[in-house]
Every structure is written in C-alpha cells, then in structure tokens.
C-alpha cells in the first residue's frame, strides 16, 4: 500500500489590507480638512469678465452694487447719501494695506459704478479696484 503525502499549500504573500485602508482614510480626512469649501458669501452680483483679472489677498472693504442699483458694504445695505461717511469710518479703522473693492453687476450702468468709485476716492480710499471675473485667454 502506497501512502501519498498530502501536499502542503505554499505560503502565499498577502498584503495586509487594514493598514492600507487606514492610510486611505487618513488621506481622505487630510484633504477634507485642508480643502477650502467656503464660497464667498454676500450679495448676488454677476461681475463683468476680464482676461487680465488677478486675485487679491489683502484687507479689503467690499462695496457691492447689484442689478437693482442697491448698494451694500459687505452684506449691510447702505444708502447712496450715507456711503461716503460709512466708507470714511471703515477706512479710518482699517490697516494701511486695505483697499476698496467695488463689485458692480455687469447689467448696471457704468455711470453708477464710477459714481461709487468717486465717492470711495473722496472718502479717502488710496487703493480702489473694480472687480471682474477672469475669462479664458485672448484669441
């Protein structure tokens, strides 16, 4: 009688999955925590487009002019007559690097936007910008 030995299964190399899953979840948490999901809140203004628009990263006072010719400083509505006084108060409390950013809806008359810029200049704004959205490259 012949006795056949049972063949031993060869040990196969296996990658441990638990540490791999841990690393994937750690990366997911890292990217969720470091990604900026905060969109700019404020007044709904459809900005005009410009191919040379650049991002600004300084202290700024934002003046919005919406399509109904309503004026806001931040999210606070302001009458045209009170705009200069409010801007003077904000500019006196702001740092030297602060600027006044005018975000006017593209459907607003240019004269209204220029009038707000003149009022901001009279209030003491040394740096004044008209916000635009960046478009594709020029043809």
N, C-alpha and C. Protein backbone atom coordinates (compact mmCIF):
# COMPACT_ATOMS: atom_id res chain seq x y z
N UNK A 1 0.82 -1.15 0.00
CA UNK A 1 0.00 0.00 0.00
C UNK A 1 0.88 1.24 0.00
N UNK A 2 0.55 2.06 -0.89
CA UNK A 2 1.31 3.30 -1.02
C UNK A 2 0.66 4.42 -0.23
N UNK A 3 1.47 5.13 0.43
CA UNK A 3 0.96 6.27 1.18
C UNK A 3 1.38 7.54 0.45
N UNK A 4 0.38 8.29 0.14
CA UNK A 4 0.68 9.56 -0.53
C UNK A 4 0.66 10.68 0.49
N UNK A 5 1.67 11.42 0.44
CA UNK A 5 1.72 12.57 1.34
C UNK A 5 0.81 13.67 0.83
N UNK A 6 0.22 14.31 1.76
CA UNK A 6 -0.59 15.46 1.39
C UNK A 6 0.34 16.60 1.04
N UNK A 7 0.05 17.26 -0.05
CA UNK A 7 0.89 18.38 -0.43
C UNK A 7 0.57 19.57 0.46
N UNK A 8 1.61 20.17 0.96
CA UNK A 8 1.41 21.37 1.76
C UNK A 8 1.16 22.54 0.82
N UNK A 9 0.22 23.36 1.21
CA UNK A 9 -0.01 24.55 0.41
C UNK A 9 1.13 25.51 0.64
N UNK A 10 1.56 26.07 -0.44
CA UNK A 10 2.63 27.05 -0.32
C UNK A 10 2.08 28.32 0.29
N UNK A 11 2.91 28.90 1.10
CA UNK A 11 2.53 30.16 1.72
C UNK A 11 2.52 31.25 0.66
N UNK A 12 1.40 31.92 0.53
CA UNK A 12 1.28 32.98 -0.46
C UNK A 12 1.48 34.32 0.21
N UNK A 13 2.11 35.20 -0.52
CA UNK A 13 2.35 36.54 0.00
C UNK A 13 1.04 37.33 -0.06
N UNK A 14 0.68 37.92 1.05
CA UNK A 14 -0.54 38.70 1.09
C UNK A 14 -0.21 40.07 1.65
N UNK A 15 -0.80 41.07 1.01
CA UNK A 15 -0.63 42.44 1.50
C UNK A 15 -1.68 42.69 2.58
N UNK A 16 -1.27 43.17 3.72
CA UNK A 16 -2.26 43.45 4.78
C UNK A 16 -3.15 44.63 4.36
N UNK A 17 -4.44 44.43 4.35
CA UNK A 17 -5.38 45.45 3.88
C UNK A 17 -5.73 46.48 4.94
N UNK A 18 -5.70 46.13 6.19
CA UNK A 18 -6.10 47.05 7.25
C UNK A 18 -5.23 48.31 7.28
N UNK A 19 -3.90 48.20 7.28
CA UNK A 19 -3.11 49.43 7.26
C UNK A 19 -3.33 50.26 5.99
N UNK A 20 -3.55 49.57 4.88
CA UNK A 20 -3.78 50.29 3.63
C UNK A 20 -5.08 51.10 3.70
N UNK A 21 -6.13 50.51 4.24
CA UNK A 21 -7.40 51.22 4.40
C UNK A 21 -7.24 52.38 5.36
N UNK A 22 -6.48 52.19 6.43
CA UNK A 22 -6.23 53.27 7.38
C UNK A 22 -5.54 54.46 6.70
N UNK A 23 -4.57 54.16 5.88
CA UNK A 23 -3.85 55.23 5.17
C UNK A 23 -4.77 55.96 4.22
N UNK A 24 -5.61 55.24 3.51
CA UNK A 24 -6.55 55.88 2.58
C UNK A 24 -7.50 56.80 3.34
N UNK A 25 -8.02 56.35 4.46
CA UNK A 25 -8.92 57.20 5.24
C UNK A 25 -8.20 58.41 5.83
N UNK A 26 -6.97 58.24 6.24
CA UNK A 26 -6.19 59.37 6.75
C UNK A 26 -5.98 60.43 5.65
N UNK A 27 -5.67 59.97 4.44
CA UNK A 27 -5.52 60.91 3.33
C UNK A 27 -6.83 61.61 3.02
N UNK A 28 -7.92 60.88 3.05
CA UNK A 28 -9.23 61.47 2.81
C UNK A 28 -9.55 62.54 3.85
N UNK A 29 -9.31 62.25 5.09
CA UNK A 29 -9.54 63.23 6.16
C UNK A 29 -8.64 64.44 5.99
N UNK A 30 -7.38 64.22 5.64
CA UNK A 30 -6.45 65.33 5.43
C UNK A 30 -6.96 66.26 4.33
N UNK A 31 -7.36 65.71 3.19
CA UNK A 31 -7.82 66.55 2.09
C UNK A 31 -9.15 67.23 2.40
N UNK A 32 -10.01 66.58 3.16
CA UNK A 32 -11.26 67.23 3.55
C UNK A 32 -11.02 68.41 4.49
N UNK A 33 -10.05 68.26 5.37
CA UNK A 33 -9.77 69.34 6.33
C UNK A 33 -9.00 70.50 5.70
N UNK A 34 -8.19 70.23 4.70
CA UNK A 34 -7.38 71.30 4.13
C UNK A 34 -8.00 71.97 2.91
N UNK A 35 -9.05 71.39 2.37
CA UNK A 35 -9.70 71.99 1.20
C UNK A 35 -10.63 73.09 1.66
N UNK A 36 -10.64 74.17 0.90
CA UNK A 36 -11.47 75.31 1.23
C UNK A 36 -12.82 75.16 0.53
N UNK A 37 -13.86 74.82 1.31
CA UNK A 37 -15.19 74.66 0.75
C UNK A 37 -16.02 75.93 0.93
N UNK A 38 -15.45 76.95 1.52
CA UNK A 38 -16.21 78.16 1.80
C UNK A 38 -16.28 79.00 0.53
N UNK A 39 -17.48 79.20 0.07
CA UNK A 39 -17.65 80.09 -1.08
C UNK A 39 -17.89 81.49 -0.56
N UNK A 40 -17.63 82.45 -1.41
CA UNK A 40 -17.77 83.83 -0.99
C UNK A 40 -19.25 84.15 -0.82
N UNK A 41 -19.61 84.53 0.39
CA UNK A 41 -21.00 84.89 0.63
C UNK A 41 -21.16 86.38 0.42
N UNK A 42 -22.36 86.77 0.28
CA UNK A 42 -22.60 88.19 0.08
C UNK A 42 -23.74 88.41 -0.88
N UNK A 43 -23.67 89.51 -1.56
CA UNK A 43 -24.72 89.92 -2.47
C UNK A 43 -24.52 89.21 -3.80
N UNK A 44 -25.63 88.83 -4.43
CA UNK A 44 -25.57 88.15 -5.72
C UNK A 44 -25.29 89.18 -6.81
N UNK A 45 -24.03 89.23 -7.23
CA UNK A 45 -23.59 90.18 -8.25
C UNK A 45 -22.94 89.40 -9.37
N UNK A 46 -23.36 89.63 -10.59
CA UNK A 46 -22.78 88.99 -11.76
C UNK A 46 -21.70 89.91 -12.31
N UNK A 47 -20.43 89.62 -12.00
CA UNK A 47 -19.32 90.50 -12.34
C UNK A 47 -19.02 90.49 -13.83
N UNK A 48 -18.54 91.61 -14.36
CA UNK A 48 -18.09 91.61 -15.75
C UNK A 48 -16.83 90.78 -15.89
N UNK A 49 -16.52 90.36 -17.11
CA UNK A 49 -15.38 89.50 -17.34
C UNK A 49 -14.18 90.29 -17.83
N UNK A 50 -12.99 89.79 -17.50
CA UNK A 50 -11.75 90.40 -17.93
C UNK A 50 -10.71 89.31 -18.09
N UNK A 51 -9.89 89.41 -19.12
CA UNK A 51 -8.86 88.39 -19.33
C UNK A 51 -7.63 88.64 -18.47
N UNK A 52 -7.52 89.81 -17.85
CA UNK A 52 -6.35 90.11 -17.04
C UNK A 52 -6.68 90.23 -15.56
N UNK A 53 -7.80 89.66 -15.13
CA UNK A 53 -8.19 89.73 -13.72
C UNK A 53 -7.19 88.94 -12.88
N UNK A 54 -6.91 89.45 -11.67
CA UNK A 54 -5.98 88.78 -10.77
C UNK A 54 -6.59 88.71 -9.38
N UNK A 55 -6.23 87.69 -8.63
CA UNK A 55 -6.74 87.54 -7.27
C UNK A 55 -6.01 88.49 -6.33
N UNK A 56 -6.74 89.03 -5.37
CA UNK A 56 -6.17 89.93 -4.37
C UNK A 56 -6.22 89.27 -3.01
N UNK A 57 -5.18 89.44 -2.21
CA UNK A 57 -5.15 88.84 -0.88
C UNK A 57 -4.74 89.87 0.16
N UNK A 58 -5.48 90.95 0.26
CA UNK A 58 -5.20 91.96 1.27
C UNK A 58 -6.50 92.29 1.99
N UNK A 59 -6.39 93.11 3.04
CA UNK A 59 -7.60 93.57 3.71
C UNK A 59 -8.36 94.44 2.72
N UNK A 60 -9.62 94.14 2.58
CA UNK A 60 -10.38 94.92 1.63
C UNK A 60 -11.76 95.25 2.17
N UNK A 61 -12.25 96.37 1.75
CA UNK A 61 -13.62 96.78 2.04
C UNK A 61 -14.38 96.60 0.73
N UNK A 62 -15.39 95.75 0.75
CA UNK A 62 -16.10 95.44 -0.47
C UNK A 62 -17.40 96.21 -0.54
N UNK A 63 -17.57 96.93 -1.64
CA UNK A 63 -18.81 97.67 -1.90
C UNK A 63 -19.49 96.97 -3.07
N UNK A 64 -20.71 96.50 -2.84
CA UNK A 64 -21.47 95.81 -3.87
C UNK A 64 -22.50 96.77 -4.47
N UNK A 65 -22.71 96.65 -5.77
CA UNK A 65 -23.77 97.37 -6.46
C UNK A 65 -24.52 96.32 -7.26
N UNK A 66 -25.74 95.98 -6.82
CA UNK A 66 -26.46 94.90 -7.50
C UNK A 66 -27.25 95.44 -8.69
N UNK A 67 -27.92 94.53 -9.38
CA UNK A 67 -28.61 94.90 -10.62
C UNK A 67 -29.78 95.84 -10.38
N UNK A 68 -30.23 95.98 -9.12
CA UNK A 68 -31.32 96.89 -8.79
C UNK A 68 -30.80 98.23 -8.28
N UNK A 69 -29.49 98.50 -8.49
CA UNK A 69 -28.82 99.72 -8.03
C UNK A 69 -28.87 99.89 -6.52
N UNK A 70 -28.91 98.79 -5.79
CA UNK A 70 -28.82 98.84 -4.33
C UNK A 70 -27.36 98.70 -3.95
N UNK A 71 -26.93 99.46 -2.96
CA UNK A 71 -25.52 99.49 -2.55
C UNK A 71 -25.38 98.78 -1.21
N UNK A 72 -24.32 97.99 -1.07
CA UNK A 72 -24.03 97.26 0.16
C UNK A 72 -22.55 97.41 0.47
N UNK A 73 -22.25 97.54 1.76
CA UNK A 73 -20.87 97.42 2.22
C UNK A 73 -20.83 96.10 2.99
N UNK A 74 -20.12 95.13 2.44
CA UNK A 74 -20.22 93.77 2.97
C UNK A 74 -21.60 93.26 2.66
N UNK A 75 -22.35 92.86 3.68
CA UNK A 75 -23.73 92.42 3.48
C UNK A 75 -24.72 93.44 4.02
N UNK A 76 -24.24 94.59 4.39
CA UNK A 76 -25.06 95.61 5.03
C UNK A 76 -25.51 96.66 4.00
N UNK A 77 -26.84 96.83 3.81
CA UNK A 77 -27.31 97.82 2.82
C UNK A 77 -26.99 99.24 3.27
N UNK A 78 -26.64 100.08 2.30
CA UNK A 78 -26.26 101.46 2.58
C UNK A 78 -26.93 102.36 1.55
N UNK A 79 -27.43 103.49 2.01
CA UNK A 79 -27.99 104.47 1.09
C UNK A 79 -26.84 105.23 0.43
N UNK A 80 -27.07 105.72 -0.77
CA UNK A 80 -26.02 106.44 -1.51
C UNK A 80 -25.55 107.66 -0.73
N UNK A 81 -26.46 108.33 -0.02
CA UNK A 81 -26.10 109.52 0.77
C UNK A 81 -25.19 109.17 1.95
N UNK A 82 -25.32 107.97 2.50
CA UNK A 82 -24.53 107.56 3.67
C UNK A 82 -23.25 106.83 3.30
N UNK A 83 -23.05 106.56 2.02
CA UNK A 83 -21.92 105.74 1.59
C UNK A 83 -20.58 106.37 1.95
N UNK A 84 -20.40 107.65 1.70
CA UNK A 84 -19.11 108.29 1.96
C UNK A 84 -18.77 108.25 3.45
N UNK A 85 -19.75 108.54 4.31
CA UNK A 85 -19.49 108.54 5.75
C UNK A 85 -19.14 107.13 6.24
N UNK A 86 -19.85 106.12 5.77
CA UNK A 86 -19.57 104.75 6.17
C UNK A 86 -18.19 104.31 5.70
N UNK A 87 -17.83 104.69 4.46
CA UNK A 87 -16.50 104.33 3.97
C UNK A 87 -15.41 105.04 4.75
N UNK A 88 -15.62 106.30 5.09
CA UNK A 88 -14.63 107.02 5.90
C UNK A 88 -14.42 106.32 7.24
N UNK A 89 -15.51 105.88 7.86
CA UNK A 89 -15.40 105.18 9.15
C UNK A 89 -14.63 103.86 8.99
N UNK A 90 -14.94 103.12 7.96
CA UNK A 90 -14.26 101.83 7.75
C UNK A 90 -12.80 102.03 7.38
N UNK A 91 -12.49 103.02 6.55
CA UNK A 91 -11.11 103.25 6.14
C UNK A 91 -10.25 103.75 7.29
N UNK A 92 -10.83 104.54 8.19
CA UNK A 92 -10.05 105.02 9.33
C UNK A 92 -9.70 103.88 10.28
N UNK A 93 -10.56 102.86 10.36
CA UNK A 93 -10.31 101.72 11.25
C UNK A 93 -9.48 100.63 10.57
N UNK A 94 -9.31 100.70 9.26
CA UNK A 94 -8.60 99.65 8.51
C UNK A 94 -7.10 99.89 8.52
N UNK A 95 -6.36 98.87 8.13
CA UNK A 95 -4.90 98.99 8.06
C UNK A 95 -4.49 99.73 6.79
N UNK A 96 -3.21 100.03 6.69
CA UNK A 96 -2.71 100.78 5.53
C UNK A 96 -2.82 99.99 4.23
N UNK A 97 -2.79 98.65 4.32
CA UNK A 97 -2.83 97.83 3.12
C UNK A 97 -4.25 97.56 2.64
N UNK A 98 -5.25 98.16 3.31
CA UNK A 98 -6.62 97.90 2.91
C UNK A 98 -6.96 98.62 1.61
N UNK A 99 -7.90 98.06 0.90
CA UNK A 99 -8.33 98.65 -0.35
C UNK A 99 -9.84 98.59 -0.43
N UNK A 100 -10.40 99.37 -1.33
CA UNK A 100 -11.83 99.36 -1.55
C UNK A 100 -12.07 98.63 -2.86
N UNK A 101 -12.83 97.55 -2.78
CA UNK A 101 -13.16 96.74 -3.95
C UNK A 101 -14.61 97.01 -4.31
N UNK A 102 -14.85 97.47 -5.52
CA UNK A 102 -16.21 97.73 -5.99
C UNK A 102 -16.62 96.55 -6.87
N UNK A 103 -17.67 95.87 -6.45
CA UNK A 103 -18.19 94.74 -7.22
C UNK A 103 -19.57 95.14 -7.74
N UNK A 104 -19.58 95.57 -8.99
CA UNK A 104 -20.81 96.02 -9.62
C UNK A 104 -21.30 94.97 -10.60
N UNK A 105 -22.59 94.75 -10.60
CA UNK A 105 -23.19 93.80 -11.54
C UNK A 105 -22.96 94.30 -12.96
N UNK A 106 -22.76 93.36 -13.89
CA UNK A 106 -22.46 93.76 -15.27
C UNK A 106 -23.63 94.44 -15.95
N UNK A 107 -24.84 94.29 -15.41
CA UNK A 107 -26.00 94.94 -16.02
C UNK A 107 -26.19 96.38 -15.54
N UNK A 108 -25.39 96.81 -14.57
CA UNK A 108 -25.50 98.17 -14.03
C UNK A 108 -24.84 99.17 -14.97
N UNK A 109 -25.41 100.36 -15.03
CA UNK A 109 -24.80 101.42 -15.85
C UNK A 109 -23.40 101.73 -15.34
N UNK A 110 -22.51 102.00 -16.27
CA UNK A 110 -21.14 102.33 -15.90
C UNK A 110 -21.08 103.59 -15.05
N UNK A 111 -21.99 104.51 -15.31
CA UNK A 111 -22.02 105.76 -14.55
C UNK A 111 -22.26 105.51 -13.06
N UNK A 112 -23.11 104.54 -12.73
CA UNK A 112 -23.37 104.22 -11.32
C UNK A 112 -22.13 103.66 -10.64
N UNK A 113 -21.41 102.79 -11.32
CA UNK A 113 -20.20 102.21 -10.75
C UNK A 113 -19.12 103.28 -10.58
N UNK A 114 -18.98 104.16 -11.57
CA UNK A 114 -17.99 105.23 -11.48
C UNK A 114 -18.36 106.21 -10.37
N UNK A 115 -19.65 106.45 -10.16
CA UNK A 115 -20.10 107.34 -9.08
C UNK A 115 -19.70 106.76 -7.73
N UNK A 116 -19.86 105.46 -7.55
CA UNK A 116 -19.46 104.82 -6.29
C UNK A 116 -17.94 104.90 -6.12
N UNK A 117 -17.20 104.72 -7.20
CA UNK A 117 -15.74 104.82 -7.12
C UNK A 117 -15.32 106.24 -6.76
N UNK A 118 -16.00 107.25 -7.28
CA UNK A 118 -15.70 108.64 -6.92
C UNK A 118 -15.98 108.91 -5.45
N UNK A 119 -17.07 108.37 -4.95
CA UNK A 119 -17.40 108.54 -3.53
C UNK A 119 -16.35 107.85 -2.66
N UNK A 120 -15.90 106.67 -3.06
CA UNK A 120 -14.86 105.95 -2.30
C UNK A 120 -13.56 106.73 -2.31
N UNK A 121 -13.21 107.31 -3.45
CA UNK A 121 -11.98 108.12 -3.54
C UNK A 121 -12.09 109.35 -2.63
N UNK A 122 -13.27 109.98 -2.61
CA UNK A 122 -13.49 111.14 -1.75
C UNK A 122 -13.46 110.75 -0.27
N UNK A 123 -13.81 109.51 0.04
CA UNK A 123 -13.79 109.03 1.43
C UNK A 123 -12.37 108.72 1.91
N UNK A 124 -11.40 108.74 0.98
CA UNK A 124 -10.02 108.53 1.37
C UNK A 124 -9.44 107.21 0.94
N UNK A 125 -10.07 106.54 0.02
CA UNK A 125 -9.56 105.26 -0.46
C UNK A 125 -8.34 105.51 -1.34
N UNK A 126 -7.19 105.07 -0.90
CA UNK A 126 -5.97 105.23 -1.68
C UNK A 126 -5.87 104.18 -2.77
N UNK A 127 -6.36 102.98 -2.47
CA UNK A 127 -6.34 101.89 -3.44
C UNK A 127 -7.78 101.50 -3.72
N UNK A 128 -8.14 101.54 -4.98
CA UNK A 128 -9.51 101.32 -5.39
C UNK A 128 -9.52 100.40 -6.60
N UNK A 129 -10.35 99.34 -6.55
CA UNK A 129 -10.39 98.38 -7.64
C UNK A 129 -11.83 98.09 -8.03
N UNK A 130 -12.02 97.82 -9.31
CA UNK A 130 -13.31 97.37 -9.82
C UNK A 130 -13.15 95.88 -10.11
N UNK A 131 -13.94 95.05 -9.44
CA UNK A 131 -13.81 93.60 -9.54
C UNK A 131 -14.34 93.09 -10.87
N UNK A 132 -13.63 92.12 -11.45
CA UNK A 132 -14.07 91.43 -12.66
C UNK A 132 -13.81 89.95 -12.48
N UNK A 133 -14.42 89.14 -13.35
CA UNK A 133 -14.15 87.72 -13.35
C UNK A 133 -13.18 87.40 -14.46
N UNK A 134 -12.28 86.46 -14.22
CA UNK A 134 -11.30 86.10 -15.21
C UNK A 134 -11.94 85.21 -16.27
N UNK A 135 -11.69 85.53 -17.53
CA UNK A 135 -12.19 84.72 -18.64
C UNK A 135 -11.05 83.90 -19.21
N UNK A 136 -11.33 83.21 -20.28
CA UNK A 136 -10.28 82.45 -20.96
C UNK A 136 -9.25 83.37 -21.58
N UNK A 137 -8.28 82.79 -22.23
CA UNK A 137 -7.22 83.58 -22.84
C UNK A 137 -7.73 84.32 -24.06
N UNK A 138 -7.03 85.34 -24.42
CA UNK A 138 -7.42 86.13 -25.59
C UNK A 138 -7.18 85.34 -26.86
N UNK A 139 -8.05 85.55 -27.87
CA UNK A 139 -7.85 84.83 -29.14
C UNK A 139 -6.71 85.38 -29.94
